[in-house]
Amino acid sequence: MLPSPCAPAQLTPYEVLARAQSVKYYADRALWEVRDNDFGPGRFRKLLAAARHRQAARAAYAAAAAAYHATPRAAAERAVRAAYAAKYGTPIQ
């Protein structure tokens, strides 16, 4: 008898944010590719599909960012950035 498959690991909010950022980047690139280089038939349909995908990716990224910024890890990062800015007079970019 085969063992049952393992349940997938739960992603942390940071990992979800990183994946959402990657999807958003590639959705932006796909839109720009159609906008700048596709002049054949069906261009408008492809452009509309790419724009909708980009809009969904941006919404998912905004939700992931909100979830991440509510975590203790994000609060710790904000504290480190504030301490750096207080010490050196300039924020970390």
C-alpha atoms as a PDB file:
ATOM      1  CA  MET A   1       0.000   0.000   0.000  1.00  0.00           C
ATOM      2  CA  LEU A   2       1.296   3.418  -0.903  1.00  0.00           C
ATOM      3  CA  PRO A   3       1.617   6.059   1.781  1.00  0.00           C
ATOM      4  CA  SER A   4      -0.757   8.979   1.584  1.00  0.00           C
ATOM      5  CA  PRO A   5       0.657  12.127   0.041  1.00  0.00           C
ATOM      6  CA  CYS A   6       1.842  14.817   2.394  1.00  0.00           C
ATOM      7  CA  ALA A   7      -0.226  17.930   2.791  1.00  0.00           C
ATOM      8  CA  PRO A   8       1.361  20.939   1.094  1.00  0.00           C
ATOM      9  CA  ALA A   9       3.274  23.222   3.402  1.00  0.00           C
ATOM     10  CA  GLN A  10       1.521  26.363   4.538  1.00  0.00           C
ATOM     11  CA  LEU A  11       3.114  29.462   3.032  1.00  0.00           C
ATOM     12  CA  THR A  12       4.081  32.366   5.253  1.00  0.00           C
ATOM     13  CA  PRO A  13       2.679  35.816   4.449  1.00  0.00           C
ATOM     14  CA  TYR A  14       6.160  36.824   3.264  1.00  0.00           C
ATOM     15  CA  GLU A  15       6.251  33.943   0.779  1.00  0.00           C
ATOM     16  CA  VAL A  16       2.740  34.740  -0.433  1.00  0.00           C
ATOM     17  CA  LEU A  17       3.809  38.370  -0.943  1.00  0.00           C
ATOM     18  CA  ALA A  18       6.914  37.312  -2.860  1.00  0.00           C
ATOM     19  CA  ARG A  19       4.906  35.043  -5.159  1.00  0.00           C
ATOM     20  CA  ALA A  20       2.268  37.725  -5.709  1.00  0.00           C
ATOM     21  CA  GLN A  21       4.982  40.230  -6.589  1.00  0.00           C
ATOM     22  CA  SER A  22       6.429  37.796  -9.112  1.00  0.00           C
ATOM     23  CA  VAL A  23       3.017  37.213 -10.708  1.00  0.00           C
ATOM     24  CA  LYS A  24       2.435  40.976 -10.842  1.00  0.00           C
ATOM     25  CA  TYR A  25       5.800  41.502 -12.536  1.00  0.00           C
ATOM     26  CA  TYR A  26       5.095  38.910 -15.220  1.00  0.00           C
ATOM     27  CA  ALA A  27       1.571  40.240 -15.764  1.00  0.00           C
ATOM     28  CA  ASP A  28       3.030  43.710 -16.313  1.00  0.00           C
ATOM     29  CA  ARG A  29       5.585  42.315 -18.751  1.00  0.00           C
ATOM     30  CA  ALA A  30       2.886  40.406 -20.673  1.00  0.00           C
ATOM     31  CA  LEU A  31       0.782  43.542 -21.016  1.00  0.00           C
ATOM     32  CA  TRP A  32       3.733  45.586 -22.222  1.00  0.00           C
ATOM     33  CA  GLU A  33       4.702  42.877 -24.699  1.00  0.00           C
ATOM     34  CA  VAL A  34       1.249  42.891 -26.279  1.00  0.00           C
ATOM     35  CA  ARG A  35       1.011  46.680 -26.181  1.00  0.00           C
ATOM     36  CA  ASP A  36       4.407  47.299 -27.758  1.00  0.00           C
ATOM     37  CA  ASN A  37       4.969  44.372 -30.125  1.00  0.00           C
ATOM     38  CA  ASP A  38       1.697  42.748 -31.171  1.00  0.00           C
ATOM     39  CA  PHE A  39       0.059  44.464 -34.122  1.00  0.00           C
ATOM     40  CA  GLY A  40      -1.623  41.458 -35.689  1.00  0.00           C
ATOM     41  CA  PRO A  41      -5.253  40.404 -35.736  1.00  0.00           C
ATOM     42  CA  GLY A  42      -6.808  39.906 -32.329  1.00  0.00           C
ATOM     43  CA  ARG A  43      -4.557  42.529 -30.765  1.00  0.00           C
ATOM     44  CA  PHE A  44      -7.369  44.213 -28.867  1.00  0.00           C
ATOM     45  CA  ARG A  45      -8.625  40.900 -27.464  1.00  0.00           C
ATOM     46  CA  LYS A  46      -5.101  39.967 -26.322  1.00  0.00           C
ATOM     47  CA  LEU A  47      -4.561  43.419 -24.852  1.00  0.00           C
ATOM     48  CA  LEU A  48      -7.831  43.255 -22.947  1.00  0.00           C
ATOM     49  CA  ALA A  49      -7.009  39.782 -21.596  1.00  0.00           C
ATOM     50  CA  ALA A  50      -3.546  40.932 -20.527  1.00  0.00           C
ATOM     51  CA  ALA A  51      -5.010  44.018 -18.845  1.00  0.00           C
ATOM     52  CA  ARG A  52      -7.528  41.906 -16.925  1.00  0.00           C
ATOM     53  CA  HIS A  53      -4.798  39.504 -15.826  1.00  0.00           C
ATOM     54  CA  ARG A  54      -2.673  42.452 -14.716  1.00  0.00           C
ATOM     55  CA  GLN A  55      -5.579  43.927 -12.760  1.00  0.00           C
ATOM     56  CA  ALA A  56      -6.167  40.608 -10.983  1.00  0.00           C
ATOM     57  CA  ALA A  57      -2.455  40.278 -10.228  1.00  0.00           C
ATOM     58  CA  ARG A  58      -2.302  43.786  -8.793  1.00  0.00           C
ATOM     59  CA  ALA A  59      -5.345  43.113  -6.584  1.00  0.00           C
ATOM     60  CA  ALA A  60      -3.783  39.868  -5.333  1.00  0.00           C
ATOM     61  CA  TYR A  61      -0.537  41.714  -4.622  1.00  0.00           C
ATOM     62  CA  ALA A  62      -2.368  44.434  -2.667  1.00  0.00           C
ATOM     63  CA  ALA A  63      -4.128  41.795  -0.572  1.00  0.00           C
ATOM     64  CA  ALA A  64      -0.872  39.925   0.057  1.00  0.00           C
ATOM     65  CA  ALA A  65       0.891  43.166   1.003  1.00  0.00           C
ATOM     66  CA  ALA A  66      -1.851  44.079   3.468  1.00  0.00           C
ATOM     67  CA  ALA A  67      -1.658  40.613   5.037  1.00  0.00           C
ATOM     68  CA  TYR A  68       2.131  40.770   5.269  1.00  0.00           C
ATOM     69  CA  HIS A  69       2.240  44.264   6.764  1.00  0.00           C
ATOM     70  CA  ALA A  70      -0.045  43.095   9.571  1.00  0.00           C
ATOM     71  CA  THR A  71       2.525  40.475  10.725  1.00  0.00           C
ATOM     72  CA  PRO A  72       5.079  40.805  13.540  1.00  0.00           C
ATOM     73  CA  ARG A  73       7.883  40.364  11.010  1.00  0.00           C
ATOM     74  CA  ALA A  74       6.770  43.484   9.149  1.00  0.00           C
ATOM     75  CA  ALA A  75       6.511  45.405  12.423  1.00  0.00           C
ATOM     76  CA  ALA A  76      10.072  44.357  13.260  1.00  0.00           C
ATOM     77  CA  GLU A  77      11.260  45.523   9.841  1.00  0.00           C
ATOM     78  CA  ARG A  78       9.566  48.886  10.351  1.00  0.00           C
ATOM     79  CA  ALA A  79      11.301  49.226  13.740  1.00  0.00           C
ATOM     80  CA  VAL A  80      14.708  48.463  12.219  1.00  0.00           C
ATOM     81  CA  ARG A  81      14.106  50.956   9.412  1.00  0.00           C
ATOM     82  CA  ALA A  82      13.051  53.629  11.915  1.00  0.00           C
ATOM     83  CA  ALA A  83      16.151  52.993  14.052  1.00  0.00           C
ATOM     84  CA  TYR A  84      18.369  53.241  10.974  1.00  0.00           C
ATOM     85  CA  ALA A  85      16.704  56.483   9.907  1.00  0.00           C
ATOM     86  CA  ALA A  86      17.093  57.931  13.412  1.00  0.00           C
ATOM     87  CA  LYS A  87      20.776  56.978  13.545  1.00  0.00           C
ATOM     88  CA  TYR A  88      21.838  57.968  10.023  1.00  0.00           C
ATOM     89  CA  GLY A  89      19.237  60.563   9.131  1.00  0.00           C
ATOM     90  CA  THR A  90      18.099  58.784   5.992  1.00  0.00           C
ATOM     91  CA  PRO A  91      15.637  55.940   5.460  1.00  0.00           C
ATOM     92  CA  ILE A  92      16.678  52.554   4.103  1.00  0.00           C
ATOM     93  CA  GLN A  93      15.599  52.320   0.482  1.00  0.00           C
END
